[in-house]
């Protein structure tokens, strides 16, 4: 569990690519920058999508752990109640 949280935090704080357009020239046929910018934006989209998927997985894992903990606490209360009744 701690590994999942640490991994998530490391990925969430990693530097994202910054895509900025640079003017093309006639020498590049006015197309190289558009391709580079498009590929950079695609990489940012992939990173963002991966981070969202990891956040969703982490949220699901945390929710499941919370449900398990609540169930465990309920069972513990039931056992304690039964033990208290058995003493009388």
PDB file of N, CA and C in Angstrom:
ATOM      1  N   UNK A   1       0.822  -1.191   0.000  1.00  0.00           N
ATOM      2  CA  UNK A   1       0.000   0.000   0.000  1.00  0.00           C
ATOM      3  C   UNK A   1       0.864   1.252   0.000  1.00  0.00           C
ATOM      4  N   UNK A   2       1.867   1.280   0.853  1.00  0.00           N
ATOM      5  CA  UNK A   2       2.748   2.442   0.910  1.00  0.00           C
ATOM      6  C   UNK A   2       3.513   2.613  -0.390  1.00  0.00           C
ATOM      7  N   UNK A   3       3.851   1.501  -1.021  1.00  0.00           N
ATOM      8  CA  UNK A   3       4.558   1.572  -2.299  1.00  0.00           C
ATOM      9  C   UNK A   3       3.663   2.226  -3.351  1.00  0.00           C
ATOM     10  N   UNK A   4       2.384   1.872  -3.346  1.00  0.00           N
ATOM     11  CA  UNK A   4       1.452   2.450  -4.308  1.00  0.00           C
ATOM     12  C   UNK A   4       1.320   3.952  -4.094  1.00  0.00           C
ATOM     13  N   UNK A   5       1.234   4.370  -2.843  1.00  0.00           N
ATOM     14  CA  UNK A   5       1.119   5.804  -2.539  1.00  0.00           C
ATOM     15  C   UNK A   5       2.391   6.530  -2.951  1.00  0.00           C
ATOM     16  N   UNK A   6       3.544   5.959  -2.638  1.00  0.00           N
ATOM     17  CA  UNK A   6       4.809   6.590  -2.987  1.00  0.00           C
ATOM     18  C   UNK A   6       4.968   6.700  -4.504  1.00  0.00           C
ATOM     19  N   UNK A   7       4.583   5.649  -5.212  1.00  0.00           N
ATOM     20  CA  UNK A   7       4.664   5.669  -6.667  1.00  0.00           C
ATOM     21  C   UNK A   7       3.749   6.735  -7.235  1.00  0.00           C
ATOM     22  N   UNK A   8       2.539   6.796  -6.706  1.00  0.00           N
ATOM     23  CA  UNK A   8       1.586   7.799  -7.179  1.00  0.00           C
ATOM     24  C   UNK A   8       2.127   9.205  -6.960  1.00  0.00           C
ATOM     25  N   UNK A   9       2.651   9.469  -5.780  1.00  0.00           N
ATOM     26  CA  UNK A   9       3.158  10.806  -5.490  1.00  0.00           C
ATOM     27  C   UNK A   9       4.351  11.155  -6.372  1.00  0.00           C
ATOM     28  N   UNK A  10       5.201  10.186  -6.639  1.00  0.00           N
ATOM     29  CA  UNK A  10       6.353  10.440  -7.500  1.00  0.00           C
ATOM     30  C   UNK A  10       5.906  10.774  -8.916  1.00  0.00           C
ATOM     31  N   UNK A  11       4.914  10.064  -9.408  1.00  0.00           N
ATOM     32  CA  UNK A  11       4.432  10.329 -10.757  1.00  0.00           C
ATOM     33  C   UNK A  11       3.652  11.630 -10.831  1.00  0.00           C
ATOM     34  N   UNK A  12       2.901  11.930  -9.791  1.00  0.00           N
ATOM     35  CA  UNK A  12       2.086  13.137  -9.797  1.00  0.00           C
ATOM     36  C   UNK A  12       2.941  14.394  -9.744  1.00  0.00           C
ATOM     37  N   UNK A  13       4.122  14.295  -9.151  1.00  0.00           N
ATOM     38  CA  UNK A  13       4.977  15.467  -9.024  1.00  0.00           C
ATOM     39  C   UNK A  13       6.063  15.523 -10.091  1.00  0.00           C
ATOM     40  N   UNK A  14       6.087  14.530 -10.984  1.00  0.00           N
ATOM     41  CA  UNK A  14       7.114  14.543 -12.016  1.00  0.00           C
ATOM     42  C   UNK A  14       6.876  15.704 -12.968  1.00  0.00           C
ATOM     43  N   UNK A  15       7.946  16.151 -13.550  1.00  0.00           N
ATOM     44  CA  UNK A  15       7.844  17.295 -14.454  1.00  0.00           C
ATOM     45  C   UNK A  15       7.123  16.879 -15.732  1.00  0.00           C
ATOM     46  N   UNK A  16       6.194  17.706 -16.128  1.00  0.00           N
ATOM     47  CA  UNK A  16       5.477  17.450 -17.365  1.00  0.00           C
ATOM     48  C   UNK A  16       6.154  18.222 -18.489  1.00  0.00           C
ATOM     49  N   UNK A  17       6.020  17.712 -19.684  1.00  0.00           N
ATOM     50  CA  UNK A  17       6.586  18.399 -20.837  1.00  0.00           C
ATOM     51  C   UNK A  17       5.867  19.730 -21.028  1.00  0.00           C
ATOM     52  N   UNK A  18       6.614  20.698 -21.442  1.00  0.00           N
ATOM     53  CA  UNK A  18       6.005  21.992 -21.740  1.00  0.00           C
ATOM     54  C   UNK A  18       6.140  22.202 -23.238  1.00  0.00           C
ATOM     55  N   UNK A  19       5.023  22.234 -23.896  1.00  0.00           N
ATOM     56  CA  UNK A  19       5.009  22.354 -25.353  1.00  0.00           C
ATOM     57  C   UNK A  19       4.754  23.793 -25.749  1.00  0.00           C
ATOM     58  N   UNK A  20       5.668  24.367 -26.449  1.00  0.00           N
ATOM     59  CA  UNK A  20       5.494  25.728 -26.917  1.00  0.00           C
ATOM     60  C   UNK A  20       5.854  25.787 -28.402  1.00  0.00           C
ATOM     61  N   UNK A  21       5.095  26.518 -29.150  1.00  0.00           N
ATOM     62  CA  UNK A  21       5.385  26.615 -30.581  1.00  0.00           C
ATOM     63  C   UNK A  21       6.576  27.524 -30.853  1.00  0.00           C
ATOM     64  N   UNK A  22       7.352  27.114 -31.803  1.00  0.00           N
ATOM     65  CA  UNK A  22       8.495  27.912 -32.244  1.00  0.00           C
ATOM     66  C   UNK A  22       8.234  28.252 -33.708  1.00  0.00           C
ATOM     67  N   UNK A  23       8.445  29.486 -34.083  1.00  0.00           N
ATOM     68  CA  UNK A  23       8.156  29.849 -35.473  1.00  0.00           C
ATOM     69  C   UNK A  23       8.948  29.001 -36.468  1.00  0.00           C
ATOM     70  N   UNK A  24       8.250  28.523 -37.482  1.00  0.00           N
ATOM     71  CA  UNK A  24       8.907  27.792 -38.562  1.00  0.00           C
ATOM     72  C   UNK A  24       9.470  28.776 -39.570  1.00  0.00           C
ATOM     73  N   UNK A  25      10.312  28.247 -40.391  1.00  0.00           N
ATOM     74  CA  UNK A  25      10.887  29.062 -41.457  1.00  0.00           C
ATOM     75  C   UNK A  25      10.636  28.380 -42.785  1.00  0.00           C
ATOM     76  N   UNK A  26      10.957  29.067 -43.826  1.00  0.00           N
ATOM     77  CA  UNK A  26      10.805  28.480 -45.159  1.00  0.00           C
ATOM     78  C   UNK A  26      11.719  27.265 -45.298  1.00  0.00           C
ATOM     79  N   UNK A  27      12.856  27.280 -44.602  1.00  0.00           N
ATOM     80  CA  UNK A  27      13.795  26.162 -44.685  1.00  0.00           C
ATOM     81  C   UNK A  27      13.184  24.868 -44.139  1.00  0.00           C
ATOM     82  N   UNK A  28      12.276  24.998 -43.191  1.00  0.00           N
ATOM     83  CA  UNK A  28      11.625  23.803 -42.628  1.00  0.00           C
ATOM     84  C   UNK A  28      10.295  23.520 -43.307  1.00  0.00           C
ATOM     85  N   UNK A  29      10.011  24.293 -44.341  1.00  0.00           N
ATOM     86  CA  UNK A  29       8.765  24.139 -45.097  1.00  0.00           C
ATOM     87  C   UNK A  29       7.545  24.361 -44.209  1.00  0.00           C
ATOM     88  N   UNK A  30       7.729  25.127 -43.152  1.00  0.00           N
ATOM     89  CA  UNK A  30       6.642  25.522 -42.265  1.00  0.00           C
ATOM     90  C   UNK A  30       5.857  24.320 -41.705  1.00  0.00           C
ATOM     91  N   UNK A  31       6.501  23.186 -41.579  1.00  0.00           N
ATOM     92  CA  UNK A  31       5.798  22.002 -41.089  1.00  0.00           C
ATOM     93  C   UNK A  31       6.481  21.302 -39.938  1.00  0.00           C
ATOM     94  N   UNK A  32       7.784  21.472 -39.796  1.00  0.00           N
ATOM     95  CA  UNK A  32       8.502  20.741 -38.753  1.00  0.00           C
ATOM     96  C   UNK A  32       8.023  21.116 -37.358  1.00  0.00           C
ATOM     97  N   UNK A  33       7.807  22.405 -37.124  1.00  0.00           N
ATOM     98  CA  UNK A  33       7.374  22.840 -35.807  1.00  0.00           C
ATOM     99  C   UNK A  33       5.994  22.293 -35.466  1.00  0.00           C
ATOM    100  N   UNK A  34       5.098  22.291 -36.432  1.00  0.00           N
ATOM    101  CA  UNK A  34       3.759  21.766 -36.171  1.00  0.00           C
ATOM    102  C   UNK A  34       3.810  20.303 -35.773  1.00  0.00           C
ATOM    103  N   UNK A  35       4.647  19.535 -36.445  1.00  0.00           N
ATOM    104  CA  UNK A  35       4.774  18.118 -36.105  1.00  0.00           C
ATOM    105  C   UNK A  35       5.367  17.948 -34.709  1.00  0.00           C
ATOM    106  N   UNK A  36       6.432  18.686 -34.433  1.00  0.00           N
ATOM    107  CA  UNK A  36       7.063  18.597 -33.111  1.00  0.00           C
ATOM    108  C   UNK A  36       6.111  19.016 -32.007  1.00  0.00           C
ATOM    109  N   UNK A  37       5.368  20.082 -32.243  1.00  0.00           N
ATOM    110  CA  UNK A  37       4.416  20.571 -31.252  1.00  0.00           C
ATOM    111  C   UNK A  37       3.294  19.559 -31.042  1.00  0.00           C
ATOM    112  N   UNK A  38       2.815  18.977 -32.122  1.00  0.00           N
ATOM    113  CA  UNK A  38       1.753  17.967 -32.028  1.00  0.00           C
ATOM    114  C   UNK A  38       2.230  16.747 -31.252  1.00  0.00           C
ATOM    115  N   UNK A  39       3.442  16.296 -31.523  1.00  0.00           N
ATOM    116  CA  UNK A  39       3.984  15.136 -30.798  1.00  0.00           C
ATOM    117  C   UNK A  39       4.186  15.448 -29.318  1.00  0.00           C
ATOM    118  N   UNK A  40       4.608  16.665 -29.034  1.00  0.00           N
ATOM    119  CA  UNK A  40       4.778  17.071 -27.639  1.00  0.00           C
ATOM    120  C   UNK A  40       3.433  17.087 -26.921  1.00  0.00           C
ATOM    121  N   UNK A  41       2.411  17.638 -27.576  1.00  0.00           N
ATOM    122  CA  UNK A  41       1.074  17.646 -26.977  1.00  0.00           C
ATOM    123  C   UNK A  41       0.542  16.223 -26.779  1.00  0.00           C
ATOM    124  N   UNK A  42       0.845  15.354 -27.716  1.00  0.00           N
ATOM    125  CA  UNK A  42       0.425  13.957 -27.580  1.00  0.00           C
ATOM    126  C   UNK A  42       1.095  13.320 -26.364  1.00  0.00           C
ATOM    127  N   UNK A  43       2.374  13.590 -26.172  1.00  0.00           N
ATOM    128  CA  UNK A  43       3.077  13.059 -24.995  1.00  0.00           C
ATOM    129  C   UNK A  43       2.458  13.584 -23.707  1.00  0.00           C
ATOM    130  N   UNK A  44       2.106  14.865 -23.684  1.00  0.00           N
ATOM    131  CA  UNK A  44       1.455  15.425 -22.494  1.00  0.00           C
ATOM    132  C   UNK A  44       0.122  14.754 -22.237  1.00  0.00           C
ATOM    133  N   UNK A  45      -0.623  14.488 -23.292  1.00  0.00           N
ATOM    134  CA  UNK A  45      -1.912  13.815 -23.145  1.00  0.00           C
ATOM    135  C   UNK A  45      -1.737  12.405 -22.604  1.00  0.00           C
ATOM    136  N   UNK A  46      -0.743  11.698 -23.096  1.00  0.00           N
ATOM    137  CA  UNK A  46      -0.467  10.340 -22.603  1.00  0.00           C
ATOM    138  C   UNK A  46      -0.101  10.390 -21.120  1.00  0.00           C
ATOM    139  N   UNK A  47       0.759  11.327 -20.746  1.00  0.00           N
ATOM    140  CA  UNK A  47       1.145  11.454 -19.336  1.00  0.00           C
ATOM    141  C   UNK A  47      -0.059  11.768 -18.468  1.00  0.00           C
ATOM    142  N   UNK A  48      -0.871  12.691 -18.911  1.00  0.00           N
ATOM    143  CA  UNK A  48      -2.056  13.080 -18.146  1.00  0.00           C
ATOM    144  C   UNK A  48      -3.022  11.913 -17.999  1.00  0.00           C
ATOM    145  N   UNK A  49      -3.227  11.172 -19.076  1.00  0.00           N
ATOM    146  CA  UNK A  49      -4.123  10.017 -19.045  1.00  0.00           C
ATOM    147  C   UNK A  49      -3.591   8.947 -18.101  1.00  0.00           C
ATOM    148  N   UNK A  50      -2.301   8.705 -18.154  1.00  0.00           N
ATOM    149  CA  UNK A  50      -1.695   7.714 -17.250  1.00  0.00           C
ATOM    150  C   UNK A  50      -1.828   8.137 -15.797  1.00  0.00           C
ATOM    151  N   UNK A  51      -1.621   9.417 -15.525  1.00  0.00           N
ATOM    152  CA  UNK A  51      -1.750   9.901 -14.151  1.00  0.00           C
ATOM    153  C   UNK A  51      -3.181   9.771 -13.652  1.00  0.00           C
ATOM    154  N   UNK A  52      -4.144  10.073 -14.505  1.00  0.00           N
ATOM    155  CA  UNK A  52      -5.543   9.919 -14.108  1.00  0.00           C
ATOM    156  C   UNK A  52      -5.879   8.462 -13.824  1.00  0.00           C
ATOM    157  N   UNK A  53      -5.378   7.571 -14.656  1.00  0.00           N
ATOM    158  CA  UNK A  53      -5.632   6.143 -14.445  1.00  0.00           C
ATOM    159  C   UNK A  53      -5.009   5.682 -13.134  1.00  0.00           C
ATOM    160  N   UNK A  54      -3.815   6.162 -12.838  1.00  0.00           N
ATOM    161  CA  UNK A  54      -3.164   5.789 -11.589  1.00  0.00           C
ATOM    162  C   UNK A  54      -3.895   6.377 -10.387  1.00  0.00           C
ATOM    163  N   UNK A  55      -4.374   7.604 -10.525  1.00  0.00           N
ATOM    164  CA  UNK A  55      -5.159   8.202  -9.434  1.00  0.00           C
ATOM    165  C   UNK A  55      -6.433   7.412  -9.193  1.00  0.00           C
ATOM    166  N   UNK A  56      -7.082   7.003 -10.274  1.00  0.00           N
ATOM    167  CA  UNK A  56      -8.316   6.226 -10.141  1.00  0.00           C
ATOM    168  C   UNK A  56      -8.021   4.888  -9.465  1.00  0.00           C
ATOM    169  N   UNK A  57      -6.946   4.240  -9.862  1.00  0.00           N
ATOM    170  CA  UNK A  57      -6.575   2.971  -9.237  1.00  0.00           C
ATOM    171  C   UNK A  57      -6.256   3.168  -7.763  1.00  0.00           C
ATOM    172  N   UNK A  58      -5.545   4.232  -7.449  1.00  0.00           N
ATOM    173  CA  UNK A  58      -5.222   4.521  -6.053  1.00  0.00           C
ATOM    174  C   UNK A  58      -6.482   4.810  -5.249  1.00  0.00           C
ATOM    175  N   UNK A  59      -7.399   5.591  -5.825  1.00  0.00           N
ATOM    176  CA  UNK A  59      -8.666   5.876  -5.139  1.00  0.00           C
ATOM    177  C   UNK A  59      -9.458   4.597  -4.898  1.00  0.00           C
ATOM    178  N   UNK A  60      -9.489   3.716  -5.890  1.00  0.00           N
ATOM    179  CA  UNK A  60     -10.190   2.442  -5.727  1.00  0.00           C
ATOM    180  C   UNK A  60      -9.546   1.599  -4.629  1.00  0.00           C
ATOM    181  N   UNK A  61      -8.232   1.577  -4.617  1.00  0.00           N
ATOM    182  CA  UNK A  61      -7.513   0.800  -3.610  1.00  0.00           C
ATOM    183  C   UNK A  61      -7.777   1.360  -2.215  1.00  0.00           C
ATOM    184  N   UNK A  62      -7.726   2.682  -2.080  1.00  0.00           N
ATOM    185  CA  UNK A  62      -7.988   3.303  -0.783  1.00  0.00           C
ATOM    186  C   UNK A  62      -9.423   3.054  -0.326  1.00  0.00           C
ATOM    187  N   UNK A  63     -10.359   3.123  -1.252  1.00  0.00           N
ATOM    188  CA  UNK A  63     -11.761   2.855  -0.911  1.00  0.00           C
ATOM    189  C   UNK A  63     -11.938   1.422  -0.429  1.00  0.00           C
ATOM    190  N   UNK A  64     -11.300   0.494  -1.120  1.00  0.00           N
ATOM    191  CA  UNK A  64     -11.394  -0.909  -0.714  1.00  0.00           C
ATOM    192  C   UNK A  64     -10.770  -1.115   0.665  1.00  0.00           C
ATOM    193  N   UNK A  65      -9.637  -0.473   0.912  1.00  0.00           N
ATOM    194  CA  UNK A  65      -8.990  -0.586   2.223  1.00  0.00           C
ATOM    195  C   UNK A  65      -9.880   0.002   3.324  1.00  0.00           C
ATOM    196  N   UNK A  66     -10.549   1.112   3.030  1.00  0.00           N
ATOM    197  CA  UNK A  66     -11.451   1.711   4.011  1.00  0.00           C
ATOM    198  C   UNK A  66     -12.626   0.788   4.303  1.00  0.00           C
ATOM    199  N   UNK A  67     -13.184   0.170   3.256  1.00  0.00           N
ATOM    200  CA  UNK A  67     -14.289  -0.773   3.472  1.00  0.00           C
ATOM    201  C   UNK A  67     -13.824  -1.982   4.275  1.00  0.00           C
ATOM    202  N   UNK A  68     -12.632  -2.475   3.956  1.00  0.00           N
ATOM    203  CA  UNK A  68     -12.090  -3.614   4.695  1.00  0.00           C
ATOM    204  C   UNK A  68     -11.865  -3.262   6.161  1.00  0.00           C
ATOM    205  N   UNK A  69     -11.353  -2.068   6.406  1.00  0.00           N
ATOM    206  CA  UNK A  69     -11.108  -1.632   7.773  1.00  0.00           C
ATOM    207  C   UNK A  69     -12.419  -1.484   8.540  1.00  0.00           C
ATOM    208  N   UNK A  70     -13.442  -0.915   7.891  1.00  0.00           N
ATOM    209  CA  UNK A  70     -14.742  -0.784   8.543  1.00  0.00           C
ATOM    210  C   UNK A  70     -15.329  -2.154   8.866  1.00  0.00           C
ATOM    211  N   UNK A  71     -15.192  -3.077   7.935  1.00  0.00           N
ATOM    212  CA  UNK A  71     -15.695  -4.429   8.168  1.00  0.00           C
ATOM    213  C   UNK A  71     -14.929  -5.101   9.305  1.00  0.00           C
ATOM    214  N   UNK A  72     -13.640  -4.908   9.328  1.00  0.00           N
ATOM    215  CA  UNK A  72     -12.827  -5.485  10.395  1.00  0.00           C
ATOM    216  C   UNK A  72     -13.218  -4.886  11.747  1.00  0.00           C
ATOM    217  N   UNK A  73     -13.437  -3.587  11.799  1.00  0.00           N
ATOM    218  CA  UNK A  73     -13.856  -2.946  13.048  1.00  0.00           C
ATOM    219  C   UNK A  73     -15.210  -3.462  13.507  1.00  0.00           C
ATOM    220  N   UNK A  74     -16.128  -3.652  12.574  1.00  0.00           N
ATOM    221  CA  UNK A  74     -17.445  -4.183  12.907  1.00  0.00           C
ATOM    222  C   UNK A  74     -17.330  -5.602  13.465  1.00  0.00           C
ATOM    223  N   UNK A  75     -16.523  -6.417  12.825  1.00  0.00           N
ATOM    224  CA  UNK A  75     -16.325  -7.784  13.319  1.00  0.00           C
ATOM    225  C   UNK A  75     -15.680  -7.787  14.705  1.00  0.00           C
ATOM    226  N   UNK A  76     -14.747  -6.869  14.902  1.00  0.00           N
ATOM    227  CA  UNK A  76     -14.076  -6.773  16.200  1.00  0.00           C
ATOM    228  C   UNK A  76     -15.079  -6.379  17.283  1.00  0.00           C
ATOM    229  N   UNK A  77     -15.973  -5.448  16.966  1.00  0.00           N
ATOM    230  CA  UNK A  77     -17.004  -5.052  17.933  1.00  0.00           C
ATOM    231  C   UNK A  77     -17.938  -6.217  18.239  1.00  0.00           C
ATOM    232  N   UNK A  78     -18.278  -6.996  17.227  1.00  0.00           N
ATOM    233  CA  UNK A  78     -19.150  -8.140  17.434  1.00  0.00           C
ATOM    234  C   UNK A  78     -18.472  -9.182  18.328  1.00  0.00           C
ATOM    235  N   UNK A  79     -17.202  -9.402  18.099  1.00  0.00           N
ATOM    236  CA  UNK A  79     -16.458 -10.358  18.929  1.00  0.00           C
ATOM    237  C   UNK A  79     -16.374  -9.861  20.365  1.00  0.00           C
ATOM    238  N   UNK A  80     -16.092  -8.583  20.537  1.00  0.00           N
ATOM    239  CA  UNK A  80     -16.002  -8.027  21.886  1.00  0.00           C
ATOM    240  C   UNK A  80     -17.350  -8.099  22.603  1.00  0.00           C
ATOM    241  N   UNK A  81     -18.423  -7.832  21.869  1.00  0.00           N
ATOM    242  CA  UNK A  81     -19.760  -7.921  22.466  1.00  0.00           C
ATOM    243  C   UNK A  81     -20.068  -9.354  22.877  1.00  0.00           C
ATOM    244  N   UNK A  82     -19.723 -10.293  22.024  1.00  0.00           N
ATOM    245  CA  UNK A  82     -19.977 -11.701  22.337  1.00  0.00           C
ATOM    246  C   UNK A  82     -19.141 -12.147  23.531  1.00  0.00           C
ATOM    247  N   UNK A  83     -17.894 -11.679  23.598  1.00  0.00           N
ATOM    248  CA  UNK A  83     -17.029 -12.043  24.723  1.00  0.00           C
ATOM    249  C   UNK A  83     -17.591 -11.466  26.024  1.00  0.00           C
ATOM    250  N   UNK A  84     -18.111 -10.239  25.947  1.00  0.00           N
ATOM    251  CA  UNK A  84     -18.689  -9.616  27.141  1.00  0.00           C
ATOM    252  C   UNK A  84     -19.931 -10.386  27.598  1.00  0.00           C
ATOM    253  N   UNK A  85     -20.746 -10.849  26.668  1.00  0.00           N
ATOM    254  CA  UNK A  85     -21.939 -11.623  27.023  1.00  0.00           C
ATOM    255  C   UNK A  85     -21.560 -12.985  27.575  1.00  0.00           C
ATOM    256  N   UNK A  86     -20.502 -13.573  27.066  1.00  0.00           N
ATOM    257  CA  UNK A  86     -20.080 -14.897  27.542  1.00  0.00           C
ATOM    258  C   UNK A  86     -19.534 -14.844  28.954  1.00  0.00           C
ATOM    259  N   UNK A  87     -19.061 -13.690  29.414  1.00  0.00           N
ATOM    260  CA  UNK A  87     -18.516 -13.565  30.759  1.00  0.00           C
ATOM    261  C   UNK A  87     -19.631 -13.575  31.797  1.00  0.00           C
ATOM    262  N   UNK A  88     -20.838 -13.221  31.397  1.00  0.00           N
ATOM    263  CA  UNK A  88     -21.940 -13.175  32.356  1.00  0.00           C
ATOM    264  C   UNK A  88     -22.638 -14.453  32.408  1.00  0.00           C
TER     265      UNK A  88
END
